[in-house]
Amino acid sequence: MTTTMRRTAVTATTTGVLALGLLLAGCTSGGAGDGDEAGSGGSSADSTEGTFDDLASCDDVGSALGGVVDGLELRDDSTFSGDQANCQWATPTTEATDAADVTAIVVLAQRQEFSADDISAQTSQIEGTEGVETVDDSRVQAFGGQAFSQSVTQQGITASASTVLSPHGLVAVTATGAGDDAPLSTDETLDAAYGLFD
């Protein structure tokens, strides 16, 4: 596999892992709490935290991630529109002399209001799903949220991902690289995801 092909495969695998996480959490369009019925399952969790209103572009996301994306370049197909973001960073083609050098970081985010009952229902739904673990993280629980993590190896590419569901939306961070180990552990992707909240 050429370096260019591997670079594409790395980002594709990363995006796929995150998309799976979003679907499992039920937070894509049409998921729990969508539209005007948001919060209808119960009272909205009281929290002045758990928002990411300071983020308005992929450049903002990159600044918040800091060293996590050092040395990587923002891909042209990254988008940040309204309440949704899909920001992708990957090893620059000019620097990836070998397929094993290619890494990628992808952030998906969606602003959406979720009640405490919504979050509880999604947590119950995802618990026990193969490959996805619920994470008891006191930082996330402090604003009434829930964290999830997963690791996937596919065609020689390994990805680690963490998703944080808060009363005000969802942030998922995945790190992907060639070989048996992702460039970041699930603990590190969780730290990165948490760091994007206000």
N, C-alpha and C. Protein backbone atom coordinates (compact mmCIF):
# COMPACT_ATOMS: atom_id res chain seq x y z
N MET A 1 0.85 -1.20 0.00
CA MET A 1 0.00 0.00 0.00
C MET A 1 0.88 1.24 0.00
N THR A 2 0.63 2.19 -0.90
CA THR A 2 1.44 3.39 -0.96
C THR A 2 1.14 4.29 0.23
N THR A 3 2.06 5.24 0.46
CA THR A 3 1.87 6.16 1.58
C THR A 3 0.58 6.96 1.43
N THR A 4 0.30 7.43 0.21
CA THR A 4 -0.92 8.21 -0.02
C THR A 4 -2.16 7.38 0.26
N MET A 5 -2.16 6.13 -0.21
CA MET A 5 -3.30 5.26 0.03
C MET A 5 -3.45 4.97 1.51
N ARG A 6 -2.32 4.72 2.20
CA ARG A 6 -2.39 4.44 3.63
C ARG A 6 -2.89 5.65 4.40
N ARG A 7 -2.46 6.84 3.98
CA ARG A 7 -2.91 8.07 4.63
C ARG A 7 -4.42 8.21 4.51
N THR A 8 -4.95 7.91 3.33
CA THR A 8 -6.40 7.96 3.13
C THR A 8 -7.10 6.90 3.98
N ALA A 9 -6.51 5.70 4.04
CA ALA A 9 -7.11 4.62 4.82
C ALA A 9 -7.12 4.96 6.30
N VAL A 10 -6.05 5.59 6.78
CA VAL A 10 -5.97 5.97 8.19
C VAL A 10 -7.09 6.92 8.55
N THR A 11 -7.29 7.97 7.75
CA THR A 11 -8.34 8.93 8.07
C THR A 11 -9.72 8.32 7.89
N ALA A 12 -9.87 7.43 6.93
CA ALA A 12 -11.16 6.77 6.72
C ALA A 12 -11.51 5.88 7.90
N THR A 13 -10.51 5.12 8.40
CA THR A 13 -10.74 4.27 9.56
C THR A 13 -11.10 5.10 10.78
N THR A 14 -10.38 6.21 10.95
CA THR A 14 -10.65 7.10 12.08
C THR A 14 -12.07 7.62 12.03
N THR A 15 -12.49 8.14 10.89
CA THR A 15 -13.84 8.67 10.75
C THR A 15 -14.88 7.58 10.98
N GLY A 16 -14.60 6.38 10.49
CA GLY A 16 -15.53 5.27 10.67
C GLY A 16 -15.72 4.90 12.11
N VAL A 17 -14.64 4.88 12.89
CA VAL A 17 -14.74 4.58 14.31
C VAL A 17 -15.59 5.62 15.02
N LEU A 18 -15.35 6.89 14.71
CA LEU A 18 -16.13 7.95 15.33
C LEU A 18 -17.59 7.89 14.93
N ALA A 19 -17.86 7.62 13.67
CA ALA A 19 -19.24 7.52 13.22
C ALA A 19 -19.97 6.41 13.96
N LEU A 20 -19.27 5.29 14.17
CA LEU A 20 -19.85 4.20 14.94
C LEU A 20 -20.18 4.65 16.35
N GLY A 21 -19.27 5.39 16.96
CA GLY A 21 -19.51 5.87 18.30
C GLY A 21 -20.71 6.79 18.38
N LEU A 22 -20.86 7.66 17.38
CA LEU A 22 -22.01 8.56 17.35
C LEU A 22 -23.31 7.80 17.19
N LEU A 23 -23.31 6.81 16.31
CA LEU A 23 -24.52 6.03 16.09
C LEU A 23 -24.90 5.24 17.34
N LEU A 24 -23.90 4.66 18.00
CA LEU A 24 -24.18 3.88 19.20
C LEU A 24 -24.74 4.76 20.30
N ALA A 25 -24.25 5.99 20.36
CA ALA A 25 -24.74 6.91 21.38
C ALA A 25 -26.08 7.52 21.00
N GLY A 26 -26.52 7.28 19.76
CA GLY A 26 -27.82 7.79 19.32
C GLY A 26 -27.87 9.28 19.16
N CYS A 27 -26.72 9.87 18.80
CA CYS A 27 -26.63 11.32 18.80
C CYS A 27 -26.47 11.92 17.42
N THR A 28 -26.63 11.14 16.36
CA THR A 28 -26.64 11.72 15.03
C THR A 28 -28.03 12.26 14.76
N SER A 29 -28.23 12.87 13.61
CA SER A 29 -29.53 13.47 13.28
C SER A 29 -30.64 12.45 13.49
N GLY A 30 -31.67 12.88 14.19
CA GLY A 30 -32.79 11.99 14.46
C GLY A 30 -32.63 11.20 15.73
N GLY A 31 -31.51 11.43 16.46
CA GLY A 31 -31.27 10.69 17.69
C GLY A 31 -32.05 11.28 18.84
N ALA A 32 -31.78 10.78 20.04
CA ALA A 32 -32.49 11.23 21.22
C ALA A 32 -32.33 12.73 21.40
N GLY A 33 -33.43 13.36 21.75
CA GLY A 33 -33.38 14.78 22.04
C GLY A 33 -33.27 15.65 20.81
N ASP A 34 -33.51 15.14 19.62
CA ASP A 34 -33.34 15.90 18.39
C ASP A 34 -34.49 16.89 18.21
N GLY A 35 -34.17 18.04 17.64
CA GLY A 35 -35.20 19.00 17.24
C GLY A 35 -35.93 19.61 18.41
N ASP A 36 -37.24 19.93 18.16
CA ASP A 36 -38.03 20.64 19.15
C ASP A 36 -38.37 19.77 20.34
N GLU A 37 -38.18 18.45 20.24
CA GLU A 37 -38.54 17.57 21.33
C GLU A 37 -37.37 17.33 22.27
N ALA A 38 -36.28 18.08 22.09
CA ALA A 38 -35.12 17.89 22.94
C ALA A 38 -35.51 18.04 24.40
N GLY A 39 -35.07 17.08 25.21
CA GLY A 39 -35.34 17.16 26.63
C GLY A 39 -36.70 16.66 27.02
N SER A 40 -37.51 16.15 26.10
CA SER A 40 -38.86 15.73 26.44
C SER A 40 -38.88 14.51 27.33
N GLY A 41 -37.74 13.77 27.38
CA GLY A 41 -37.69 12.57 28.21
C GLY A 41 -37.53 12.88 29.68
N GLY A 42 -37.30 14.13 30.04
CA GLY A 42 -37.11 14.47 31.43
C GLY A 42 -36.54 15.87 31.53
N SER A 43 -36.34 16.35 32.75
CA SER A 43 -35.82 17.69 32.91
C SER A 43 -34.37 17.73 32.47
N SER A 44 -33.99 18.85 31.84
CA SER A 44 -32.62 18.99 31.35
C SER A 44 -31.67 19.08 32.53
N ALA A 45 -30.52 18.41 32.39
CA ALA A 45 -29.55 18.40 33.48
C ALA A 45 -29.05 19.82 33.72
N ASP A 46 -29.10 20.27 34.98
CA ASP A 46 -28.63 21.60 35.32
C ASP A 46 -27.12 21.62 35.29
N SER A 47 -26.54 22.47 34.44
CA SER A 47 -25.10 22.59 34.38
C SER A 47 -24.73 23.82 33.58
N THR A 48 -23.81 24.61 34.12
CA THR A 48 -23.28 25.72 33.35
C THR A 48 -22.04 25.27 32.61
N GLU A 49 -21.64 24.02 32.78
CA GLU A 49 -20.48 23.47 32.11
C GLU A 49 -20.96 22.45 31.07
N GLY A 50 -20.01 21.79 30.45
CA GLY A 50 -20.37 20.78 29.47
C GLY A 50 -20.78 21.37 28.14
N THR A 51 -20.41 22.64 27.89
CA THR A 51 -20.66 23.27 26.60
C THR A 51 -19.34 23.42 25.86
N PHE A 52 -19.43 23.66 24.56
CA PHE A 52 -18.21 23.97 23.80
C PHE A 52 -18.51 25.13 22.85
N ASP A 53 -19.13 26.17 23.42
CA ASP A 53 -19.56 27.33 22.64
C ASP A 53 -18.38 28.17 22.16
N ASP A 54 -17.20 28.01 22.77
CA ASP A 54 -16.04 28.79 22.36
C ASP A 54 -15.48 28.31 21.02
N LEU A 55 -15.91 27.14 20.55
CA LEU A 55 -15.40 26.58 19.31
C LEU A 55 -16.29 27.01 18.14
N ALA A 56 -15.69 27.67 17.15
CA ALA A 56 -16.45 28.13 15.99
C ALA A 56 -15.82 27.71 14.67
N SER A 57 -14.68 27.03 14.73
CA SER A 57 -14.00 26.60 13.51
C SER A 57 -13.06 25.45 13.85
N CYS A 58 -12.58 24.76 12.83
CA CYS A 58 -11.61 23.68 13.06
C CYS A 58 -10.29 24.25 13.58
N ASP A 59 -9.98 25.50 13.23
CA ASP A 59 -8.79 26.14 13.77
C ASP A 59 -8.92 26.31 15.28
N ASP A 60 -10.13 26.67 15.75
CA ASP A 60 -10.37 26.76 17.19
C ASP A 60 -10.19 25.41 17.86
N VAL A 61 -10.70 24.36 17.22
CA VAL A 61 -10.57 23.01 17.76
C VAL A 61 -9.09 22.63 17.84
N GLY A 62 -8.34 22.92 16.78
CA GLY A 62 -6.91 22.60 16.77
C GLY A 62 -6.16 23.32 17.87
N SER A 63 -6.50 24.59 18.11
CA SER A 63 -5.86 25.35 19.18
C SER A 63 -6.16 24.74 20.54
N ALA A 64 -7.42 24.31 20.72
CA ALA A 64 -7.81 23.69 21.99
C ALA A 64 -7.11 22.34 22.20
N LEU A 65 -6.89 21.61 21.11
CA LEU A 65 -6.21 20.31 21.21
C LEU A 65 -4.72 20.48 21.52
N GLY A 66 -4.15 21.60 21.13
CA GLY A 66 -2.75 21.87 21.43
C GLY A 66 -1.80 20.86 20.82
N GLY A 67 -0.95 20.27 21.68
CA GLY A 67 0.08 19.36 21.22
C GLY A 67 -0.43 18.09 20.56
N VAL A 68 -1.71 17.79 20.75
CA VAL A 68 -2.27 16.56 20.16
C VAL A 68 -2.15 16.57 18.64
N VAL A 69 -2.23 17.74 18.01
CA VAL A 69 -2.17 17.81 16.55
C VAL A 69 -0.88 18.45 16.05
N ASP A 70 0.10 18.62 16.92
CA ASP A 70 1.39 19.17 16.48
C ASP A 70 1.99 18.30 15.39
N GLY A 71 2.45 18.93 14.33
CA GLY A 71 3.08 18.21 13.23
C GLY A 71 2.12 17.65 12.21
N LEU A 72 0.82 17.79 12.47
CA LEU A 72 -0.20 17.30 11.53
C LEU A 72 -0.82 18.49 10.81
N GLU A 73 -1.38 18.25 9.63
CA GLU A 73 -2.03 19.34 8.90
C GLU A 73 -3.53 19.10 8.81
N LEU A 74 -4.28 20.20 8.88
CA LEU A 74 -5.73 20.13 8.77
C LEU A 74 -6.11 19.79 7.34
N ARG A 75 -6.92 18.75 7.18
CA ARG A 75 -7.32 18.32 5.84
C ARG A 75 -8.34 19.28 5.24
N ASP A 76 -8.30 19.40 3.91
CA ASP A 76 -9.17 20.34 3.22
C ASP A 76 -10.65 19.99 3.34
N ASP A 77 -10.94 18.70 3.56
CA ASP A 77 -12.34 18.29 3.64
C ASP A 77 -12.91 18.41 5.05
N SER A 78 -12.17 19.04 5.95
CA SER A 78 -12.69 19.31 7.29
C SER A 78 -13.79 20.36 7.21
N THR A 79 -14.79 20.22 8.07
CA THR A 79 -15.92 21.16 8.05
C THR A 79 -16.32 21.55 9.46
N PHE A 80 -16.78 22.78 9.60
CA PHE A 80 -17.37 23.26 10.86
C PHE A 80 -18.50 24.19 10.44
N SER A 81 -19.71 23.70 10.55
CA SER A 81 -20.87 24.44 10.06
C SER A 81 -21.98 24.40 11.08
N GLY A 82 -22.37 25.56 11.56
CA GLY A 82 -23.46 25.62 12.53
C GLY A 82 -23.12 24.86 13.80
N ASP A 83 -23.92 23.84 14.09
CA ASP A 83 -23.75 23.09 15.32
C ASP A 83 -22.99 21.78 15.13
N GLN A 84 -22.42 21.56 13.96
CA GLN A 84 -21.72 20.30 13.70
C GLN A 84 -20.32 20.54 13.18
N ALA A 85 -19.40 19.66 13.58
CA ALA A 85 -18.01 19.77 13.14
C ALA A 85 -17.45 18.40 12.79
N ASN A 86 -16.62 18.37 11.77
CA ASN A 86 -15.85 17.19 11.40
C ASN A 86 -14.48 17.70 11.00
N CYS A 87 -13.57 17.71 11.96
CA CYS A 87 -12.23 18.27 11.77
C CYS A 87 -11.20 17.15 11.75
N GLN A 88 -10.37 17.12 10.70
CA GLN A 88 -9.43 16.02 10.51
C GLN A 88 -8.02 16.55 10.30
N TRP A 89 -7.09 15.99 11.06
CA TRP A 89 -5.67 16.31 10.89
C TRP A 89 -4.93 15.03 10.54
N ALA A 90 -3.94 15.13 9.65
CA ALA A 90 -3.16 13.96 9.26
C ALA A 90 -1.72 14.36 8.98
N THR A 91 -0.84 13.37 8.99
CA THR A 91 0.56 13.61 8.66
C THR A 91 0.64 14.22 7.26
N PRO A 92 1.38 15.33 7.11
CA PRO A 92 1.53 15.92 5.77
C PRO A 92 2.11 14.90 4.80
N THR A 93 1.59 14.88 3.58
CA THR A 93 2.06 13.94 2.57
C THR A 93 3.55 14.06 2.34
N THR A 94 4.07 15.28 2.38
CA THR A 94 5.50 15.48 2.12
C THR A 94 6.38 14.91 3.21
N GLU A 95 5.82 14.70 4.41
CA GLU A 95 6.61 14.18 5.52
C GLU A 95 6.43 12.69 5.72
N ALA A 96 5.42 12.11 5.10
CA ALA A 96 5.13 10.69 5.28
C ALA A 96 5.92 9.88 4.25
N THR A 97 7.18 9.62 4.56
CA THR A 97 8.03 8.88 3.62
C THR A 97 7.74 7.39 3.66
N ASP A 98 7.06 6.95 4.70
CA ASP A 98 6.73 5.53 4.85
C ASP A 98 5.31 5.43 5.37
N ALA A 99 4.61 4.39 4.96
CA ALA A 99 3.22 4.23 5.39
C ALA A 99 3.09 4.17 6.90
N ALA A 100 4.10 3.61 7.57
CA ALA A 100 4.05 3.48 9.02
C ALA A 100 4.13 4.82 9.73
N ASP A 101 4.52 5.89 9.00
CA ASP A 101 4.65 7.21 9.60
C ASP A 101 3.32 7.96 9.67
N VAL A 102 2.30 7.45 8.99
CA VAL A 102 1.04 8.20 8.86
C VAL A 102 0.18 8.06 10.11
N THR A 103 -0.24 9.19 10.65
CA THR A 103 -1.18 9.22 11.77
C THR A 103 -2.28 10.23 11.46
N ALA A 104 -3.38 10.12 12.16
CA ALA A 104 -4.49 11.06 11.97
C ALA A 104 -5.23 11.27 13.28
N ILE A 105 -5.74 12.47 13.45
CA ILE A 105 -6.61 12.82 14.56
C ILE A 105 -7.89 13.39 13.97
N VAL A 106 -9.03 12.86 14.39
CA VAL A 106 -10.32 13.36 13.89
C VAL A 106 -11.20 13.74 15.08
N VAL A 107 -11.84 14.89 14.97
CA VAL A 107 -12.79 15.35 15.99
C VAL A 107 -14.15 15.53 15.34
N LEU A 108 -15.15 14.88 15.90
CA LEU A 108 -16.54 15.12 15.52
C LEU A 108 -17.23 15.77 16.70
N ALA A 109 -18.03 16.78 16.43
CA ALA A 109 -18.76 17.46 17.50
C ALA A 109 -20.15 17.83 17.01
N GLN A 110 -21.09 17.80 17.93
CA GLN A 110 -22.47 18.19 17.60
C GLN A 110 -23.09 18.85 18.82
N ARG A 111 -23.53 20.09 18.64
CA ARG A 111 -24.25 20.78 19.71
C ARG A 111 -25.71 20.36 19.67
N GLN A 112 -26.19 19.90 20.81
CA GLN A 112 -27.58 19.44 20.89
C GLN A 112 -27.93 19.29 22.37
N GLU A 113 -29.13 19.68 22.75
CA GLU A 113 -29.52 19.59 24.15
C GLU A 113 -30.03 18.18 24.47
N PHE A 114 -29.52 17.62 25.56
CA PHE A 114 -29.94 16.30 26.02
C PHE A 114 -30.36 16.39 27.48
N SER A 115 -31.49 15.79 27.80
CA SER A 115 -31.93 15.74 29.19
C SER A 115 -31.14 14.67 29.93
N ALA A 116 -31.25 14.69 31.25
CA ALA A 116 -30.61 13.66 32.06
C ALA A 116 -31.14 12.29 31.68
N ASP A 117 -32.44 12.21 31.39
CA ASP A 117 -33.04 10.94 30.98
C ASP A 117 -32.51 10.48 29.63
N ASP A 118 -32.29 11.42 28.71
CA ASP A 118 -31.71 11.07 27.41
C ASP A 118 -30.35 10.41 27.59
N ILE A 119 -29.51 11.06 28.41
CA ILE A 119 -28.15 10.56 28.62
C ILE A 119 -28.19 9.20 29.30
N SER A 120 -29.07 9.03 30.28
CA SER A 120 -29.19 7.75 30.97
C SER A 120 -29.64 6.65 30.01
N ALA A 121 -30.59 6.98 29.14
CA ALA A 121 -31.10 5.99 28.19
C ALA A 121 -30.02 5.57 27.20
N GLN A 122 -29.26 6.55 26.71
CA GLN A 122 -28.20 6.22 25.75
C GLN A 122 -27.09 5.42 26.41
N THR A 123 -26.79 5.73 27.67
CA THR A 123 -25.77 4.98 28.40
C THR A 123 -26.21 3.53 28.57
N SER A 124 -27.47 3.32 28.93
CA SER A 124 -27.99 1.96 29.08
C SER A 124 -27.94 1.21 27.76
N GLN A 125 -28.23 1.91 26.67
CA GLN A 125 -28.24 1.29 25.35
C GLN A 125 -26.84 0.84 24.93
N ILE A 126 -25.84 1.66 25.24
CA ILE A 126 -24.50 1.37 24.75
C ILE A 126 -23.75 0.37 25.63
N GLU A 127 -24.14 0.27 26.90
CA GLU A 127 -23.45 -0.65 27.81
C GLU A 127 -23.54 -2.08 27.29
N GLY A 128 -22.44 -2.74 27.25
CA GLY A 128 -22.41 -4.12 26.79
C GLY A 128 -22.22 -4.27 25.30
N THR A 129 -22.23 -3.15 24.55
CA THR A 129 -21.99 -3.23 23.12
C THR A 129 -20.54 -3.62 22.87
N GLU A 130 -20.34 -4.58 22.02
CA GLU A 130 -18.99 -5.10 21.79
C GLU A 130 -18.05 -4.01 21.28
N GLY A 131 -16.91 -3.90 21.93
CA GLY A 131 -15.89 -2.96 21.50
C GLY A 131 -16.03 -1.56 22.06
N VAL A 132 -17.13 -1.28 22.74
CA VAL A 132 -17.34 0.05 23.32
C VAL A 132 -17.50 -0.08 24.82
N GLU A 133 -16.79 0.76 25.56
CA GLU A 133 -16.85 0.72 27.02
C GLU A 133 -17.35 2.05 27.56
N THR A 134 -18.19 1.99 28.58
CA THR A 134 -18.54 3.21 29.30
C THR A 134 -17.41 3.51 30.27
N VAL A 135 -17.12 4.78 30.43
CA VAL A 135 -16.00 5.20 31.27
C VAL A 135 -16.53 6.07 32.39
N ASP A 136 -16.21 5.71 33.62
CA ASP A 136 -16.58 6.52 34.78
C ASP A 136 -15.52 7.60 34.97
N ASP A 137 -15.79 8.78 34.50
CA ASP A 137 -14.84 9.89 34.58
C ASP A 137 -15.48 11.01 35.40
N SER A 138 -14.87 11.34 36.53
CA SER A 138 -15.47 12.30 37.45
C SER A 138 -15.60 13.69 36.82
N ARG A 139 -14.68 14.04 35.91
CA ARG A 139 -14.75 15.35 35.27
C ARG A 139 -16.01 15.46 34.42
N VAL A 140 -16.30 14.40 33.68
CA VAL A 140 -17.48 14.38 32.80
C VAL A 140 -18.75 14.27 33.63
N GLN A 141 -18.72 13.43 34.66
CA GLN A 141 -19.89 13.25 35.51
C GLN A 141 -20.24 14.53 36.26
N ALA A 142 -19.25 15.40 36.48
CA ALA A 142 -19.49 16.65 37.20
C ALA A 142 -20.47 17.55 36.46
N PHE A 143 -20.51 17.48 35.11
CA PHE A 143 -21.50 18.28 34.39
C PHE A 143 -22.64 17.42 33.86
N GLY A 144 -22.83 16.24 34.46
CA GLY A 144 -23.97 15.40 34.11
C GLY A 144 -23.81 14.63 32.82
N GLY A 145 -22.56 14.41 32.39
CA GLY A 145 -22.32 13.71 31.14
C GLY A 145 -21.87 12.28 31.33
N GLN A 146 -21.56 11.62 30.21
CA GLN A 146 -21.07 10.25 30.22
C GLN A 146 -20.01 10.11 29.13
N ALA A 147 -18.98 9.34 29.44
CA ALA A 147 -17.89 9.10 28.48
C ALA A 147 -17.90 7.65 28.02
N PHE A 148 -17.45 7.45 26.78
CA PHE A 148 -17.32 6.12 26.19
C PHE A 148 -15.97 6.03 25.49
N SER A 149 -15.44 4.82 25.38
CA SER A 149 -14.19 4.64 24.64
C SER A 149 -14.23 3.34 23.86
N GLN A 150 -13.41 3.26 22.83
CA GLN A 150 -13.29 2.04 22.05
C GLN A 150 -11.95 2.02 21.32
N SER A 151 -11.48 0.82 21.01
CA SER A 151 -10.26 0.63 20.22
C SER A 151 -10.56 -0.36 19.11
N VAL A 152 -10.03 -0.09 17.93
CA VAL A 152 -10.28 -0.93 16.76
C VAL A 152 -8.99 -1.10 15.98
N THR A 153 -8.72 -2.33 15.53
CA THR A 153 -7.62 -2.59 14.61
C THR A 153 -8.20 -3.18 13.34
N GLN A 154 -7.86 -2.57 12.22
CA GLN A 154 -8.44 -2.99 10.94
C GLN A 154 -7.41 -2.80 9.83
N GLN A 155 -7.08 -3.88 9.12
CA GLN A 155 -6.15 -3.83 8.00
C GLN A 155 -4.84 -3.15 8.36
N GLY A 156 -4.30 -3.52 9.52
CA GLY A 156 -3.02 -2.97 9.93
C GLY A 156 -3.08 -1.55 10.46
N ILE A 157 -4.27 -1.04 10.70
CA ILE A 157 -4.45 0.31 11.22
C ILE A 157 -5.18 0.22 12.56
N THR A 158 -4.67 0.92 13.56
CA THR A 158 -5.27 0.89 14.90
C THR A 158 -5.81 2.27 15.26
N ALA A 159 -7.01 2.30 15.80
CA ALA A 159 -7.64 3.56 16.21
C ALA A 159 -8.11 3.45 17.64
N SER A 160 -7.91 4.51 18.40
CA SER A 160 -8.48 4.61 19.74
C SER A 160 -9.38 5.84 19.75
N ALA A 161 -10.55 5.70 20.37
CA ALA A 161 -11.53 6.78 20.32
C ALA A 161 -12.19 6.96 21.67
N SER A 162 -12.52 8.22 21.97
CA SER A 162 -13.32 8.53 23.15
C SER A 162 -14.42 9.50 22.76
N THR A 163 -15.59 9.29 23.33
CA THR A 163 -16.75 10.12 23.07
C THR A 163 -17.29 10.64 24.39
N VAL A 164 -17.56 11.92 24.46
CA VAL A 164 -18.16 12.52 25.66
C VAL A 164 -19.52 13.08 25.29
N LEU A 165 -20.54 12.58 25.95
CA LEU A 165 -21.91 13.05 25.78
C LEU A 165 -22.25 13.94 26.96
N SER A 166 -22.56 15.20 26.69
CA SER A 166 -22.89 16.14 27.75
C SER A 166 -24.33 16.62 27.57
N PRO A 167 -24.88 17.34 28.55
CA PRO A 167 -26.24 17.86 28.38
C PRO A 167 -26.37 18.83 27.21
N HIS A 168 -25.24 19.29 26.68
CA HIS A 168 -25.28 20.31 25.62
C HIS A 168 -24.70 19.83 24.30
N GLY A 169 -24.38 18.56 24.19
CA GLY A 169 -23.86 18.07 22.92
C GLY A 169 -22.88 16.93 23.09
N LEU A 170 -22.19 16.64 22.01
CA LEU A 170 -21.31 15.49 21.98
C LEU A 170 -20.00 15.85 21.30
N VAL A 171 -18.90 15.35 21.87
CA VAL A 171 -17.58 15.50 21.26
C VAL A 171 -16.92 14.13 21.21
N ALA A 172 -16.37 13.78 20.06
CA ALA A 172 -15.66 12.51 19.91
C ALA A 172 -14.29 12.77 19.31
N VAL A 173 -13.27 12.15 19.87
CA VAL A 173 -11.89 12.30 19.38
C VAL A 173 -11.32 10.93 19.10
N THR A 174 -10.76 10.75 17.91
CA THR A 174 -10.12 9.48 17.55
C THR A 174 -8.71 9.74 17.07
N ALA A 175 -7.79 8.87 17.49
CA ALA A 175 -6.40 8.91 17.03
C ALA A 175 -6.11 7.60 16.32
N THR A 176 -5.55 7.68 15.12
CA THR A 176 -5.33 6.50 14.30
C THR A 176 -3.92 6.48 13.72
N GLY A 177 -3.34 5.29 13.67
CA GLY A 177 -2.03 5.14 13.05
C GLY A 177 -1.81 3.73 12.57
N ALA A 178 -0.79 3.54 11.76
CA ALA A 178 -0.47 2.21 11.25
C ALA A 178 0.19 1.39 12.35
N GLY A 179 -0.08 0.08 12.35
CA GLY A 179 0.52 -0.79 13.34
C GLY A 179 -0.45 -1.22 14.41
N ASP A 180 0.11 -1.76 15.49
CA ASP A 180 -0.72 -2.32 16.56
C ASP A 180 -1.12 -1.31 17.62
N ASP A 181 -0.51 -0.13 17.61
CA ASP A 181 -0.80 0.87 18.63
C ASP A 181 -1.21 2.18 17.99
N ALA A 182 -2.29 2.76 18.51
CA ALA A 182 -2.71 4.09 18.06
C ALA A 182 -1.76 5.13 18.64
N PRO A 183 -1.64 6.30 18.01
CA PRO A 183 -0.73 7.33 18.52
C PRO A 183 -1.13 7.89 19.87
N LEU A 184 -2.41 7.74 20.24
CA LEU A 184 -2.88 8.14 21.56
C LEU A 184 -3.66 6.98 22.16
N SER A 185 -3.59 6.83 23.47
CA SER A 185 -4.39 5.82 24.16
C SER A 185 -5.81 6.34 24.31
N THR A 186 -6.72 5.47 24.75
CA THR A 186 -8.09 5.92 24.98
C THR A 186 -8.14 6.94 26.12
N ASP A 187 -7.25 6.81 27.11
CA ASP A 187 -7.19 7.81 28.18
C ASP A 187 -6.81 9.17 27.62
N GLU A 188 -5.87 9.16 26.67
CA GLU A 188 -5.41 10.42 26.08
C GLU A 188 -6.47 11.03 25.16
N THR A 189 -7.19 10.19 24.42
CA THR A 189 -8.27 10.75 23.59
C THR A 189 -9.40 11.28 24.46
N LEU A 190 -9.63 10.64 25.61
CA LEU A 190 -10.64 11.15 26.54
C LEU A 190 -10.22 12.50 27.09
N ASP A 191 -8.94 12.64 27.46
CA ASP A 191 -8.44 13.93 27.94
C ASP A 191 -8.62 15.00 26.87
N ALA A 192 -8.34 14.63 25.61
CA ALA A 192 -8.48 15.58 24.51
C ALA A 192 -9.93 15.99 24.31
N ALA A 193 -10.84 15.01 24.37
CA ALA A 193 -12.26 15.31 24.20
C ALA A 193 -12.76 16.21 25.33
N TYR A 194 -12.40 15.88 26.56
CA TYR A 194 -12.82 16.69 27.71
C TYR A 194 -12.28 18.11 27.58
N GLY A 195 -11.06 18.23 27.08
CA GLY A 195 -10.42 19.54 26.96
C GLY A 195 -11.10 20.47 25.98
N LEU A 196 -11.98 19.95 25.13
CA LEU A 196 -12.69 20.80 24.16
C LEU A 196 -13.91 21.47 24.76
N PHE A 197 -14.34 21.02 25.94
CA PHE A 197 -15.49 21.64 26.59
C PHE A 197 -15.06 22.91 27.32
N ASP A 198 -15.99 23.87 27.43
CA ASP A 198 -15.70 25.15 28.09
C ASP A 198 -15.38 24.94 29.56
